[in-house]
N, C-alpha and C. Protein backbone atom coordinates (compact mmCIF):
# COMPACT_ATOMS: atom_id res chain seq x y z
N MET A 1 0.83 -1.19 0.00
CA MET A 1 0.00 0.00 0.00
C MET A 1 0.88 1.25 0.00
N PHE A 2 0.36 2.30 -0.59
CA PHE A 2 1.00 3.61 -0.54
C PHE A 2 0.33 4.41 0.57
N MET A 3 1.15 4.97 1.48
CA MET A 3 0.59 5.69 2.62
C MET A 3 1.47 6.88 3.00
N SER A 4 0.87 7.77 3.80
CA SER A 4 1.61 8.80 4.51
C SER A 4 1.57 8.43 5.98
N VAL A 5 2.74 8.34 6.65
CA VAL A 5 2.78 7.85 8.03
C VAL A 5 3.56 8.81 8.91
N PRO A 6 3.21 8.87 10.21
CA PRO A 6 4.06 9.59 11.18
C PRO A 6 5.34 8.80 11.40
N ILE A 7 6.46 9.50 11.56
CA ILE A 7 7.74 8.79 11.51
C ILE A 7 8.46 8.67 12.84
N ALA A 8 8.15 9.48 13.85
CA ALA A 8 8.94 9.47 15.09
C ALA A 8 8.91 8.12 15.79
N ASP A 9 7.77 7.42 15.72
CA ASP A 9 7.62 6.15 16.44
C ASP A 9 7.86 4.92 15.57
N LEU A 10 8.41 5.10 14.39
CA LEU A 10 8.75 3.95 13.57
C LEU A 10 9.85 3.14 14.24
N ILE A 11 9.76 1.82 14.13
CA ILE A 11 10.80 0.95 14.69
C ILE A 11 12.01 0.95 13.76
N ALA A 12 13.16 1.23 14.33
CA ALA A 12 14.40 1.28 13.56
C ALA A 12 15.05 -0.10 13.55
N PRO A 13 15.40 -0.64 12.41
CA PRO A 13 15.89 -2.02 12.34
C PRO A 13 17.36 -2.20 12.68
N GLN A 14 18.16 -1.13 12.58
CA GLN A 14 19.60 -1.32 12.66
C GLN A 14 20.21 -0.56 13.83
N TRP A 15 21.32 -1.09 14.31
CA TRP A 15 22.01 -0.48 15.44
C TRP A 15 22.56 0.90 15.10
N TRP A 16 23.06 1.08 13.91
CA TRP A 16 23.82 2.27 13.57
C TRP A 16 23.26 2.94 12.31
N VAL A 17 23.59 4.22 12.17
CA VAL A 17 23.32 4.96 10.94
C VAL A 17 24.58 5.75 10.57
N ASP A 18 24.70 6.07 9.31
CA ASP A 18 25.80 6.89 8.82
C ASP A 18 25.38 8.36 8.98
N THR A 19 25.88 9.00 10.04
CA THR A 19 25.45 10.37 10.33
C THR A 19 25.90 11.35 9.25
N GLY A 20 27.02 11.05 8.59
CA GLY A 20 27.45 11.91 7.49
C GLY A 20 26.46 11.90 6.34
N TYR A 21 25.93 10.72 6.05
CA TYR A 21 24.92 10.60 5.00
C TYR A 21 23.63 11.32 5.40
N VAL A 22 23.25 11.19 6.67
CA VAL A 22 22.05 11.88 7.14
C VAL A 22 22.21 13.39 6.98
N GLU A 23 23.39 13.92 7.28
CA GLU A 23 23.62 15.36 7.13
C GLU A 23 23.52 15.78 5.67
N GLN A 24 24.02 14.95 4.76
CA GLN A 24 23.88 15.26 3.33
C GLN A 24 22.41 15.31 2.93
N LEU A 25 21.63 14.33 3.40
CA LEU A 25 20.21 14.30 3.08
C LEU A 25 19.46 15.45 3.74
N LEU A 26 19.87 15.82 4.94
CA LEU A 26 19.22 16.91 5.66
C LEU A 26 19.31 18.21 4.87
N ALA A 27 20.39 18.37 4.14
CA ALA A 27 20.58 19.60 3.36
C ALA A 27 19.63 19.69 2.17
N VAL A 28 19.03 18.57 1.78
CA VAL A 28 18.14 18.59 0.61
C VAL A 28 16.71 18.19 0.96
N VAL A 29 16.38 18.16 2.25
CA VAL A 29 14.99 17.91 2.64
C VAL A 29 14.13 19.04 2.10
N PRO A 30 13.04 18.74 1.38
CA PRO A 30 12.22 19.80 0.80
C PRO A 30 11.52 20.61 1.88
N PRO A 31 11.23 21.88 1.60
CA PRO A 31 10.57 22.72 2.60
C PRO A 31 9.13 22.28 2.85
N VAL A 32 8.59 22.67 3.98
CA VAL A 32 7.20 22.37 4.31
C VAL A 32 6.29 22.95 3.23
N GLY A 33 5.34 22.15 2.79
CA GLY A 33 4.42 22.59 1.74
C GLY A 33 4.78 22.08 0.37
N ASP A 34 6.02 21.64 0.18
CA ASP A 34 6.45 21.10 -1.12
C ASP A 34 6.18 19.61 -1.12
N GLU A 35 4.93 19.23 -1.41
CA GLU A 35 4.56 17.82 -1.35
C GLU A 35 5.17 17.03 -2.50
N GLU A 36 5.31 17.64 -3.65
CA GLU A 36 5.95 16.95 -4.78
C GLU A 36 7.42 16.67 -4.46
N GLY A 37 8.09 17.65 -3.86
CA GLY A 37 9.48 17.45 -3.46
C GLY A 37 9.60 16.39 -2.39
N LEU A 38 8.63 16.35 -1.45
CA LEU A 38 8.64 15.33 -0.40
C LEU A 38 8.46 13.95 -1.00
N PHE A 39 7.56 13.84 -1.98
CA PHE A 39 7.37 12.55 -2.65
C PHE A 39 8.66 12.09 -3.31
N ASP A 40 9.32 12.99 -4.03
CA ASP A 40 10.57 12.62 -4.71
C ASP A 40 11.65 12.24 -3.69
N PHE A 41 11.68 12.90 -2.55
CA PHE A 41 12.66 12.59 -1.51
C PHE A 41 12.39 11.20 -0.92
N CYS A 42 11.12 10.87 -0.73
CA CYS A 42 10.76 9.59 -0.13
C CYS A 42 10.91 8.42 -1.10
N PHE A 43 10.87 8.71 -2.40
CA PHE A 43 10.99 7.65 -3.41
C PHE A 43 12.19 7.95 -4.31
N ALA A 44 13.33 8.07 -3.65
CA ALA A 44 14.56 8.43 -4.36
C ALA A 44 15.10 7.25 -5.15
N GLU A 45 15.90 7.55 -6.14
CA GLU A 45 16.65 6.55 -6.89
C GLU A 45 18.11 6.66 -6.50
N GLY A 46 18.81 5.52 -6.49
CA GLY A 46 20.23 5.54 -6.22
C GLY A 46 21.00 6.25 -7.32
N LYS A 47 22.25 6.54 -7.05
CA LYS A 47 23.10 7.23 -8.02
C LYS A 47 24.40 6.44 -8.21
N LEU A 48 24.89 6.44 -9.44
CA LEU A 48 26.12 5.75 -9.78
C LEU A 48 27.23 6.76 -10.04
N GLU A 49 28.44 6.40 -9.63
CA GLU A 49 29.61 7.19 -10.01
C GLU A 49 29.99 6.86 -11.45
N SER A 50 30.83 7.69 -12.03
CA SER A 50 31.27 7.43 -13.41
C SER A 50 32.04 6.11 -13.46
N PRO A 51 31.73 5.25 -14.44
CA PRO A 51 32.43 3.96 -14.52
C PRO A 51 33.90 4.14 -14.90
N MET A 52 34.70 3.16 -14.49
CA MET A 52 36.12 3.16 -14.82
C MET A 52 36.42 1.92 -15.65
N MET A 53 37.16 2.10 -16.72
CA MET A 53 37.55 0.97 -17.57
C MET A 53 38.74 0.25 -16.94
N LEU A 54 38.71 -1.07 -17.00
CA LEU A 54 39.80 -1.91 -16.52
C LEU A 54 40.36 -2.65 -17.73
N GLY A 55 41.38 -2.08 -18.33
CA GLY A 55 41.90 -2.68 -19.55
C GLY A 55 40.93 -2.47 -20.70
N SER A 56 40.90 -3.43 -21.62
CA SER A 56 40.08 -3.29 -22.82
C SER A 56 38.78 -4.09 -22.78
N ASN A 57 38.58 -4.92 -21.76
CA ASN A 57 37.38 -5.76 -21.77
C ASN A 57 36.68 -5.85 -20.42
N ALA A 58 36.96 -4.89 -19.51
CA ALA A 58 36.30 -4.93 -18.20
C ALA A 58 36.08 -3.51 -17.70
N ALA A 59 35.14 -3.35 -16.79
CA ALA A 59 34.85 -2.04 -16.21
C ALA A 59 34.33 -2.24 -14.79
N VAL A 60 34.35 -1.17 -14.01
CA VAL A 60 33.82 -1.21 -12.65
C VAL A 60 33.03 0.06 -12.40
N ILE A 61 31.91 -0.09 -11.69
CA ILE A 61 31.09 1.04 -11.27
C ILE A 61 31.07 1.05 -9.75
N VAL A 62 31.20 2.23 -9.15
CA VAL A 62 31.27 2.36 -7.70
C VAL A 62 30.08 3.18 -7.21
N SER A 63 29.56 2.81 -6.06
CA SER A 63 28.52 3.57 -5.39
C SER A 63 28.91 3.77 -3.94
N GLY A 64 28.89 5.01 -3.49
CA GLY A 64 29.22 5.29 -2.10
C GLY A 64 28.09 5.02 -1.14
N ARG A 65 26.90 4.75 -1.65
CA ARG A 65 25.74 4.55 -0.78
C ARG A 65 25.07 3.20 -1.00
N LYS A 66 25.81 2.24 -1.51
CA LYS A 66 25.30 0.88 -1.71
C LYS A 66 24.00 0.89 -2.50
N SER A 67 24.00 1.64 -3.58
CA SER A 67 22.79 1.78 -4.38
C SER A 67 22.89 1.11 -5.74
N LEU A 68 23.83 0.16 -5.88
CA LEU A 68 23.97 -0.53 -7.15
C LEU A 68 22.81 -1.49 -7.35
N GLY A 69 22.30 -1.52 -8.57
CA GLY A 69 21.23 -2.43 -8.91
C GLY A 69 21.77 -3.63 -9.67
N THR A 70 21.16 -3.93 -10.79
CA THR A 70 21.57 -5.08 -11.59
C THR A 70 21.82 -4.65 -13.02
N LEU A 71 22.36 -5.57 -13.79
CA LEU A 71 22.58 -5.34 -15.21
C LEU A 71 21.35 -5.79 -15.99
N SER A 72 21.02 -5.03 -17.01
CA SER A 72 19.92 -5.43 -17.88
C SER A 72 20.38 -6.57 -18.80
N PRO A 73 19.45 -7.29 -19.41
CA PRO A 73 19.85 -8.32 -20.38
C PRO A 73 20.61 -7.71 -21.56
N LEU A 74 21.51 -8.47 -22.11
CA LEU A 74 22.25 -8.04 -23.29
C LEU A 74 21.28 -7.90 -24.47
N ARG A 75 21.43 -6.86 -25.25
CA ARG A 75 20.55 -6.66 -26.39
C ARG A 75 21.37 -6.21 -27.61
N LEU A 76 20.82 -6.46 -28.77
CA LEU A 76 21.45 -6.07 -30.03
C LEU A 76 21.05 -4.64 -30.36
N LYS A 77 22.04 -3.76 -30.45
CA LYS A 77 21.77 -2.36 -30.76
C LYS A 77 21.67 -2.12 -32.25
N SER A 78 22.59 -2.67 -32.99
CA SER A 78 22.58 -2.50 -34.45
C SER A 78 23.42 -3.59 -35.07
N ALA A 79 23.16 -3.87 -36.35
CA ALA A 79 23.93 -4.89 -37.05
C ALA A 79 23.83 -4.67 -38.55
N ASP A 80 24.94 -4.86 -39.21
CA ASP A 80 24.97 -4.90 -40.68
C ASP A 80 26.06 -5.87 -41.08
N ALA A 81 26.40 -5.91 -42.33
CA ALA A 81 27.38 -6.89 -42.81
C ALA A 81 28.79 -6.62 -42.30
N SER A 82 29.04 -5.41 -41.79
CA SER A 82 30.40 -5.08 -41.35
C SER A 82 30.57 -5.06 -39.84
N LYS A 83 29.45 -4.98 -39.08
CA LYS A 83 29.60 -4.84 -37.63
C LYS A 83 28.28 -5.16 -36.93
N ALA A 84 28.38 -5.82 -35.77
CA ALA A 84 27.23 -6.01 -34.88
C ALA A 84 27.58 -5.37 -33.53
N THR A 85 26.69 -4.53 -33.02
CA THR A 85 26.93 -3.81 -31.76
C THR A 85 25.92 -4.27 -30.72
N PHE A 86 26.43 -4.69 -29.57
CA PHE A 86 25.59 -5.13 -28.45
C PHE A 86 25.72 -4.14 -27.31
N GLU A 87 24.71 -4.08 -26.44
CA GLU A 87 24.76 -3.17 -25.30
C GLU A 87 23.92 -3.71 -24.15
N PHE A 88 24.16 -3.18 -22.96
CA PHE A 88 23.35 -3.47 -21.79
C PHE A 88 23.43 -2.25 -20.87
N ASP A 89 22.58 -2.21 -19.86
CA ASP A 89 22.53 -1.08 -18.93
C ASP A 89 22.87 -1.54 -17.51
N ALA A 90 23.63 -0.72 -16.81
CA ALA A 90 23.85 -0.89 -15.38
C ALA A 90 23.07 0.22 -14.68
N ARG A 91 22.13 -0.15 -13.83
CA ARG A 91 21.25 0.84 -13.22
C ARG A 91 21.38 0.81 -11.69
N PRO A 92 21.14 1.96 -11.04
CA PRO A 92 21.07 1.95 -9.57
C PRO A 92 19.74 1.35 -9.13
N ARG A 93 19.72 0.90 -7.88
CA ARG A 93 18.47 0.35 -7.35
C ARG A 93 17.59 1.48 -6.82
N PRO A 94 16.30 1.28 -6.80
CA PRO A 94 15.44 2.26 -6.13
C PRO A 94 15.76 2.31 -4.64
N ASN A 95 15.60 3.47 -4.04
CA ASN A 95 15.86 3.63 -2.61
C ASN A 95 14.60 4.17 -1.93
N TYR A 96 13.48 3.47 -2.17
CA TYR A 96 12.19 3.92 -1.68
C TYR A 96 12.07 3.71 -0.17
N LEU A 97 11.24 4.54 0.46
CA LEU A 97 10.88 4.31 1.85
C LEU A 97 9.88 3.16 1.88
N TRP A 98 10.29 2.08 2.54
CA TRP A 98 9.52 0.84 2.54
C TRP A 98 9.40 0.38 3.98
N LEU A 99 8.16 0.20 4.44
CA LEU A 99 7.88 -0.11 5.83
C LEU A 99 7.09 -1.41 5.95
N ASN A 100 7.04 -1.94 7.17
CA ASN A 100 6.37 -3.21 7.41
C ASN A 100 5.56 -3.13 8.71
N VAL A 101 4.28 -3.49 8.63
CA VAL A 101 3.45 -3.58 9.83
C VAL A 101 3.70 -4.93 10.49
N ILE A 102 4.11 -4.90 11.76
CA ILE A 102 4.38 -6.13 12.49
C ILE A 102 3.06 -6.69 13.01
N PRO A 103 2.65 -7.88 12.57
CA PRO A 103 1.32 -8.39 12.94
C PRO A 103 1.08 -8.48 14.44
N ALA A 104 2.12 -8.85 15.22
CA ALA A 104 1.92 -9.08 16.65
C ALA A 104 1.59 -7.81 17.42
N THR A 105 2.10 -6.67 16.96
CA THR A 105 1.93 -5.42 17.71
C THR A 105 1.25 -4.32 16.92
N GLN A 106 1.13 -4.50 15.61
CA GLN A 106 0.60 -3.46 14.71
C GLN A 106 1.48 -2.22 14.67
N GLN A 107 2.71 -2.30 15.19
CA GLN A 107 3.66 -1.22 15.03
C GLN A 107 4.33 -1.34 13.67
N ILE A 108 4.99 -0.28 13.27
CA ILE A 108 5.56 -0.23 11.93
C ILE A 108 7.08 -0.17 12.01
N ALA A 109 7.74 -1.06 11.28
CA ALA A 109 9.20 -1.12 11.23
C ALA A 109 9.69 -0.66 9.86
N VAL A 110 10.88 -0.11 9.84
CA VAL A 110 11.49 0.37 8.60
C VAL A 110 12.21 -0.79 7.92
N LEU A 111 11.84 -1.05 6.69
CA LEU A 111 12.56 -2.05 5.90
C LEU A 111 13.67 -1.41 5.09
N ASN A 112 13.41 -0.23 4.56
CA ASN A 112 14.42 0.49 3.79
C ASN A 112 14.16 1.98 3.91
N GLY A 113 15.24 2.75 4.06
CA GLY A 113 15.11 4.20 4.08
C GLY A 113 15.34 4.85 5.43
N VAL A 114 16.08 4.18 6.33
CA VAL A 114 16.32 4.75 7.65
C VAL A 114 16.96 6.13 7.56
N HIS A 115 17.93 6.30 6.68
CA HIS A 115 18.65 7.57 6.61
C HIS A 115 17.74 8.69 6.10
N HIS A 116 16.93 8.40 5.08
CA HIS A 116 16.00 9.42 4.58
C HIS A 116 14.98 9.80 5.66
N LEU A 117 14.46 8.79 6.36
CA LEU A 117 13.48 9.06 7.41
C LEU A 117 14.11 9.86 8.55
N LEU A 118 15.33 9.53 8.92
CA LEU A 118 15.99 10.24 10.00
C LEU A 118 16.27 11.70 9.61
N ALA A 119 16.62 11.93 8.35
CA ALA A 119 16.82 13.31 7.88
C ALA A 119 15.51 14.10 7.95
N LEU A 120 14.40 13.47 7.57
CA LEU A 120 13.11 14.14 7.68
C LEU A 120 12.80 14.48 9.13
N LEU A 121 13.04 13.52 10.02
CA LEU A 121 12.75 13.74 11.44
C LEU A 121 13.63 14.86 12.00
N ALA A 122 14.92 14.87 11.65
CA ALA A 122 15.83 15.91 12.13
C ALA A 122 15.45 17.28 11.59
N ALA A 123 14.81 17.31 10.42
CA ALA A 123 14.38 18.57 9.82
C ALA A 123 13.03 19.03 10.38
N GLY A 124 12.45 18.24 11.26
CA GLY A 124 11.17 18.62 11.84
C GLY A 124 9.96 18.22 11.03
N ARG A 125 10.18 17.35 10.04
CA ARG A 125 9.04 16.88 9.24
C ARG A 125 8.41 15.68 9.95
N PRO A 126 7.13 15.73 10.29
CA PRO A 126 6.54 14.67 11.10
C PRO A 126 6.09 13.44 10.32
N ARG A 127 5.91 13.57 9.00
CA ARG A 127 5.35 12.47 8.22
C ARG A 127 6.18 12.23 6.96
N ALA A 128 5.99 11.04 6.39
CA ALA A 128 6.68 10.69 5.14
C ALA A 128 5.76 9.82 4.30
N TYR A 129 5.96 9.88 3.00
CA TYR A 129 5.28 8.97 2.08
C TYR A 129 6.08 7.67 2.02
N CYS A 130 5.38 6.56 1.87
CA CYS A 130 6.09 5.28 1.87
C CYS A 130 5.24 4.21 1.20
N LEU A 131 5.88 3.10 0.93
CA LEU A 131 5.19 1.85 0.60
C LEU A 131 5.19 1.02 1.87
N ILE A 132 4.07 0.38 2.17
CA ILE A 132 3.96 -0.36 3.42
C ILE A 132 3.35 -1.73 3.15
N ARG A 133 3.84 -2.74 3.84
CA ARG A 133 3.37 -4.10 3.69
C ARG A 133 3.17 -4.70 5.08
N GLY A 134 2.57 -5.86 5.13
CA GLY A 134 2.40 -6.56 6.38
C GLY A 134 3.04 -7.93 6.32
N GLY A 135 3.36 -8.49 7.48
CA GLY A 135 3.94 -9.82 7.51
C GLY A 135 5.07 -9.91 8.51
N PRO A 136 5.43 -11.11 8.91
CA PRO A 136 6.51 -11.30 9.89
C PRO A 136 7.83 -10.71 9.39
N VAL A 137 8.53 -10.03 10.30
CA VAL A 137 9.80 -9.43 9.90
C VAL A 137 10.84 -10.49 9.56
N GLU A 138 10.65 -11.71 10.05
CA GLU A 138 11.60 -12.79 9.73
C GLU A 138 11.62 -13.09 8.23
N GLN A 139 10.56 -12.70 7.52
CA GLN A 139 10.53 -12.93 6.08
C GLN A 139 11.38 -11.91 5.33
N VAL A 140 11.76 -10.84 6.01
CA VAL A 140 12.46 -9.74 5.36
C VAL A 140 13.92 -9.66 5.78
N PHE A 141 14.18 -9.72 7.09
CA PHE A 141 15.53 -9.56 7.60
C PHE A 141 16.18 -10.91 7.83
N ASN A 142 17.46 -10.99 7.51
CA ASN A 142 18.24 -12.19 7.80
C ASN A 142 18.97 -11.95 9.12
N PHE A 143 18.28 -12.19 10.23
CA PHE A 143 18.81 -11.84 11.54
C PHE A 143 20.10 -12.60 11.85
N ALA A 144 20.20 -13.84 11.40
CA ALA A 144 21.37 -14.65 11.72
C ALA A 144 22.62 -14.16 11.01
N ALA A 145 22.45 -13.56 9.84
CA ALA A 145 23.61 -13.20 9.02
C ALA A 145 24.02 -11.74 9.16
N ASP A 146 23.17 -10.88 9.70
CA ASP A 146 23.47 -9.45 9.74
C ASP A 146 23.57 -8.97 11.18
N PRO A 147 24.77 -8.79 11.71
CA PRO A 147 24.92 -8.35 13.10
C PRO A 147 24.53 -6.90 13.31
N GLY A 148 24.33 -6.14 12.24
CA GLY A 148 23.94 -4.74 12.38
C GLY A 148 22.45 -4.53 12.56
N ILE A 149 21.67 -5.62 12.57
CA ILE A 149 20.22 -5.53 12.69
C ILE A 149 19.80 -5.99 14.08
N PHE A 150 18.87 -5.27 14.69
CA PHE A 150 18.29 -5.74 15.95
C PHE A 150 17.64 -7.10 15.73
N LYS A 151 17.64 -7.93 16.74
CA LYS A 151 17.06 -9.27 16.62
C LYS A 151 15.54 -9.21 16.63
N ALA A 152 14.92 -10.28 16.18
CA ALA A 152 13.47 -10.30 15.98
C ALA A 152 12.71 -9.96 17.26
N GLU A 153 13.20 -10.43 18.42
CA GLU A 153 12.46 -10.19 19.66
C GLU A 153 12.46 -8.72 20.06
N HIS A 154 13.42 -7.94 19.56
CA HIS A 154 13.43 -6.51 19.86
C HIS A 154 12.30 -5.78 19.17
N PHE A 155 11.89 -6.29 18.02
CA PHE A 155 10.82 -5.62 17.27
C PHE A 155 9.48 -5.70 18.00
N THR A 156 9.28 -6.74 18.79
CA THR A 156 8.01 -6.93 19.48
C THR A 156 8.15 -6.70 20.99
N ALA A 157 9.25 -6.11 21.44
CA ALA A 157 9.44 -5.82 22.86
C ALA A 157 8.51 -4.70 23.30
N ASN A 158 8.34 -4.57 24.62
CA ASN A 158 7.49 -3.49 25.15
C ASN A 158 7.98 -2.12 24.73
N ARG A 159 9.30 -1.98 24.59
CA ARG A 159 9.88 -0.72 24.12
C ARG A 159 10.89 -1.04 23.03
N PRO A 160 10.42 -1.15 21.78
CA PRO A 160 11.34 -1.47 20.68
C PRO A 160 12.22 -0.28 20.35
N PRO A 161 13.31 -0.48 19.63
CA PRO A 161 14.16 0.64 19.19
C PRO A 161 13.40 1.49 18.18
N LEU A 162 13.37 2.79 18.39
CA LEU A 162 12.59 3.70 17.55
C LEU A 162 13.50 4.63 16.76
N LEU A 163 12.97 5.14 15.67
CA LEU A 163 13.73 6.04 14.81
C LEU A 163 14.22 7.25 15.59
N ARG A 164 13.40 7.81 16.46
CA ARG A 164 13.79 9.02 17.19
C ARG A 164 14.94 8.78 18.16
N ASP A 165 15.21 7.52 18.50
CA ASP A 165 16.30 7.22 19.43
C ASP A 165 17.66 7.65 18.88
N TYR A 166 17.81 7.64 17.57
CA TYR A 166 19.09 8.07 16.99
C TYR A 166 19.40 9.53 17.34
N LEU A 167 18.37 10.34 17.59
CA LEU A 167 18.56 11.76 17.87
C LEU A 167 18.56 12.06 19.35
N ASP A 168 18.46 11.06 20.20
CA ASP A 168 18.41 11.24 21.65
C ASP A 168 19.81 11.02 22.23
N PRO A 169 20.47 12.07 22.70
CA PRO A 169 21.84 11.90 23.23
C PRO A 169 21.92 11.02 24.46
N ALA A 170 20.79 10.81 25.14
CA ALA A 170 20.80 9.94 26.32
C ALA A 170 20.83 8.47 25.93
N ILE A 171 20.51 8.17 24.67
CA ILE A 171 20.47 6.79 24.20
C ILE A 171 21.56 6.50 23.19
N SER A 172 21.73 7.41 22.26
CA SER A 172 22.65 7.17 21.15
C SER A 172 24.09 7.49 21.54
N ASP A 173 25.02 6.97 20.75
CA ASP A 173 26.44 7.20 20.99
C ASP A 173 27.14 7.13 19.64
N ASP A 174 28.29 7.80 19.56
CA ASP A 174 29.08 7.76 18.33
C ASP A 174 29.90 6.48 18.29
N VAL A 175 29.87 5.83 17.15
CA VAL A 175 30.63 4.60 16.94
C VAL A 175 31.42 4.76 15.66
N GLY A 176 32.71 4.52 15.73
CA GLY A 176 33.55 4.62 14.54
C GLY A 176 33.48 3.35 13.71
N ILE A 177 33.05 3.49 12.47
CA ILE A 177 32.98 2.36 11.54
C ILE A 177 33.70 2.78 10.26
N ARG A 178 34.55 1.90 9.75
CA ARG A 178 35.29 2.22 8.53
C ARG A 178 34.32 2.41 7.37
N ALA A 179 34.45 3.53 6.69
CA ALA A 179 33.60 3.81 5.54
C ALA A 179 33.93 2.86 4.40
N ALA A 180 32.94 2.43 3.67
CA ALA A 180 33.14 1.50 2.56
C ALA A 180 32.21 1.86 1.41
N ASP A 181 32.70 1.68 0.21
CA ASP A 181 31.91 1.87 -0.99
C ASP A 181 31.52 0.51 -1.55
N GLN A 182 30.52 0.52 -2.39
CA GLN A 182 30.08 -0.70 -3.07
C GLN A 182 30.54 -0.62 -4.53
N PHE A 183 30.94 -1.75 -5.10
CA PHE A 183 31.34 -1.72 -6.50
C PHE A 183 30.71 -2.89 -7.25
N MET A 184 30.57 -2.70 -8.54
CA MET A 184 30.12 -3.75 -9.45
C MET A 184 31.15 -3.86 -10.57
N ARG A 185 31.73 -5.04 -10.73
CA ARG A 185 32.73 -5.25 -11.77
C ARG A 185 32.16 -6.22 -12.79
N PHE A 186 32.34 -5.92 -14.05
CA PHE A 186 31.87 -6.82 -15.09
C PHE A 186 32.89 -6.83 -16.22
N ALA A 187 32.92 -7.92 -16.96
CA ALA A 187 33.92 -8.11 -18.02
C ALA A 187 33.30 -8.83 -19.19
N VAL A 188 33.87 -8.57 -20.34
CA VAL A 188 33.50 -9.29 -21.55
C VAL A 188 34.40 -10.52 -21.65
N VAL A 189 33.82 -11.70 -21.60
CA VAL A 189 34.62 -12.91 -21.70
C VAL A 189 34.95 -13.19 -23.16
N GLY A 190 35.92 -14.04 -23.36
CA GLY A 190 36.30 -14.37 -24.72
C GLY A 190 35.17 -15.02 -25.49
N PRO A 191 35.01 -14.70 -26.76
CA PRO A 191 33.92 -15.29 -27.54
C PRO A 191 34.16 -16.79 -27.76
N GLU A 192 33.05 -17.51 -27.84
CA GLU A 192 33.11 -18.94 -28.15
C GLU A 192 32.81 -19.12 -29.63
N ILE A 193 33.70 -19.73 -30.34
CA ILE A 193 33.52 -19.95 -31.77
C ILE A 193 33.37 -21.45 -32.02
N GLY A 194 32.31 -21.82 -32.70
CA GLY A 194 32.07 -23.22 -32.99
C GLY A 194 31.54 -23.40 -34.40
N ILE A 195 31.01 -24.58 -34.68
CA ILE A 195 30.51 -24.89 -36.02
C ILE A 195 29.10 -25.44 -35.89
N VAL A 196 28.20 -24.93 -36.73
CA VAL A 196 26.82 -25.42 -36.77
C VAL A 196 26.50 -25.74 -38.23
N PRO A 197 25.52 -26.60 -38.46
CA PRO A 197 25.13 -26.89 -39.86
C PRO A 197 24.62 -25.65 -40.56
N GLN A 198 24.88 -25.56 -41.84
CA GLN A 198 24.36 -24.44 -42.62
C GLN A 198 22.86 -24.59 -42.80
N SER A 199 22.17 -23.43 -42.75
CA SER A 199 20.74 -23.45 -43.04
C SER A 199 20.54 -23.51 -44.54
N GLU A 200 19.54 -24.25 -44.97
CA GLU A 200 19.30 -24.41 -46.41
C GLU A 200 18.34 -23.33 -46.93
């Protein structure tokens, strides 16, 4: 469902946030009354850095915000008797505000968009546009594999971790984490040449 929700009491899924990224987003939070700008902020698209060539048959794309998506299928751009040209697209992933209603408590947890939501909250914006779904959080988060996520029992506790806690100096603390970028590397493999029967 598409909804507008109050954000201060949203359950925050992760222990930490990148405060530098929040400050960058805070600088571009749309002013009060700009609903179109708020919609665009809540349903942002990731951004890619300029690709770098690695030799003659490989390239790498870097994203500082882990917004890399996938490659499109290979397609034929043009062909004639002298040349055939193929192409594909590397696209960033959508970075939409995506929330989940927890069936046991009817509270709402953030599935994606903690930094955007925190920037809105820090800017004094009480609500955000989002996509919202229902279902057990175990279907979404891999609690066993991701140590940066609160465990499932925290989501249904009497006092779960909330988005506003990041802004409360009595609760939050600075933690040094090495900054890391995300990259996608792809290469053109050697062509396979074989023999097939001639068509008649």
